[in-house]
Amino acid sequence: MDVPYDLTSYVRVLKLASTPSWQEFSQVAKIAGAGILLVGLLGFVIFVVMMLLPGGV
């Protein structure tokens, strides 16, 4: 393992990285929030279906 090479590649990546603008951050937050809500809704629907079936939870 060549440590100096690894460090220079990490520094290069950090120099290329930038802080997202407020618009980019807001869009990513909305998409992530929608995904979380979708997974929660899907879990709730599965729970309700299991409660309605005979011999459910």
C-alpha atoms as a PDB file:
ATOM      1  CA  MET A   1       0.000   0.000   0.000  1.00  0.00           C
ATOM      2  CA  ASP A   2       1.499   3.281  -1.127  1.00  0.00           C
ATOM      3  CA  VAL A   3       0.452   5.768   1.572  1.00  0.00           C
ATOM      4  CA  PRO A   4       1.640   9.009  -0.099  1.00  0.00           C
ATOM      5  CA  TYR A   5      -0.249   8.068  -3.278  1.00  0.00           C
ATOM      6  CA  ASP A   6      -3.406   7.391  -1.255  1.00  0.00           C
ATOM      7  CA  LEU A   7      -3.157  10.753   0.517  1.00  0.00           C
ATOM      8  CA  THR A   8      -2.709  12.681  -2.709  1.00  0.00           C
ATOM      9  CA  SER A   9      -5.736  11.012  -4.264  1.00  0.00           C
ATOM     10  CA  TYR A  10      -7.819  11.868  -1.176  1.00  0.00           C
ATOM     11  CA  VAL A  11      -6.672  15.493  -1.317  1.00  0.00           C
ATOM     12  CA  ARG A  12      -7.531  15.654  -5.024  1.00  0.00           C
ATOM     13  CA  VAL A  13     -11.059  14.388  -4.348  1.00  0.00           C
ATOM     14  CA  LEU A  14     -11.542  16.876  -1.515  1.00  0.00           C
ATOM     15  CA  LYS A  15     -10.441  19.737  -3.762  1.00  0.00           C
ATOM     16  CA  LEU A  16     -12.993  18.716  -6.389  1.00  0.00           C
ATOM     17  CA  ALA A  17     -15.800  18.394  -3.849  1.00  0.00           C
ATOM     18  CA  SER A  18     -17.937  21.443  -3.235  1.00  0.00           C
ATOM     19  CA  THR A  19     -20.736  22.438  -0.929  1.00  0.00           C
ATOM     20  CA  PRO A  20     -24.105  22.050  -2.660  1.00  0.00           C
ATOM     21  CA  SER A  21     -26.201  25.128  -3.289  1.00  0.00           C
ATOM     22  CA  TRP A  22     -29.387  25.613  -1.293  1.00  0.00           C
ATOM     23  CA  GLN A  23     -31.457  24.552  -4.320  1.00  0.00           C
ATOM     24  CA  GLU A  24     -29.506  21.276  -4.717  1.00  0.00           C
ATOM     25  CA  PHE A  25     -29.719  20.551  -0.999  1.00  0.00           C
ATOM     26  CA  SER A  26     -33.448  21.288  -0.914  1.00  0.00           C
ATOM     27  CA  GLN A  27     -34.118  18.995  -3.878  1.00  0.00           C
ATOM     28  CA  VAL A  28     -32.138  16.125  -2.356  1.00  0.00           C
ATOM     29  CA  ALA A  29     -33.914  16.610   0.994  1.00  0.00           C
ATOM     30  CA  LYS A  30     -37.337  16.506  -0.688  1.00  0.00           C
ATOM     31  CA  ILE A  31     -36.483  13.329  -2.595  1.00  0.00           C
ATOM     32  CA  ALA A  32     -35.083  11.634   0.520  1.00  0.00           C
ATOM     33  CA  GLY A  33     -38.131  12.682   2.553  1.00  0.00           C
ATOM     34  CA  ALA A  34     -40.475  11.344  -0.118  1.00  0.00           C
ATOM     35  CA  GLY A  35     -38.605   8.038  -0.102  1.00  0.00           C
ATOM     36  CA  ILE A  36     -38.848   7.762   3.680  1.00  0.00           C
ATOM     37  CA  LEU A  37     -42.579   8.523   3.569  1.00  0.00           C
ATOM     38  CA  LEU A  38     -43.099   5.979   0.779  1.00  0.00           C
ATOM     39  CA  VAL A  39     -41.333   3.217   2.718  1.00  0.00           C
ATOM     40  CA  GLY A  40     -43.306   4.092   5.865  1.00  0.00           C
ATOM     41  CA  LEU A  41     -46.589   4.080   3.973  1.00  0.00           C
ATOM     42  CA  LEU A  42     -45.755   0.733   2.395  1.00  0.00           C
ATOM     43  CA  GLY A  43     -44.976  -0.737   5.818  1.00  0.00           C
ATOM     44  CA  PHE A  44     -48.247   0.627   7.220  1.00  0.00           C
ATOM     45  CA  VAL A  45     -50.241  -0.853   4.332  1.00  0.00           C
ATOM     46  CA  ILE A  46     -48.601  -4.246   4.857  1.00  0.00           C
ATOM     47  CA  PHE A  47     -49.382  -4.012   8.594  1.00  0.00           C
ATOM     48  CA  VAL A  48     -53.051  -3.182   7.932  1.00  0.00           C
ATOM     49  CA  VAL A  49     -53.390  -6.034   5.418  1.00  0.00           C
ATOM     50  CA  MET A  50     -51.850  -8.459   7.923  1.00  0.00           C
ATOM     51  CA  MET A  51     -54.261  -7.270  10.627  1.00  0.00           C
ATOM     52  CA  LEU A  52     -57.269  -7.814   8.355  1.00  0.00           C
ATOM     53  CA  LEU A  53     -56.286 -11.326   7.302  1.00  0.00           C
ATOM     54  CA  PRO A  54     -57.513 -14.158   9.532  1.00  0.00           C
ATOM     55  CA  GLY A  55     -54.779 -15.294  11.906  1.00  0.00           C
ATOM     56  CA  GLY A  56     -52.851 -12.055  11.477  1.00  0.00           C
ATOM     57  CA  VAL A  57     -50.642 -10.428  14.083  1.00  0.00           C
END
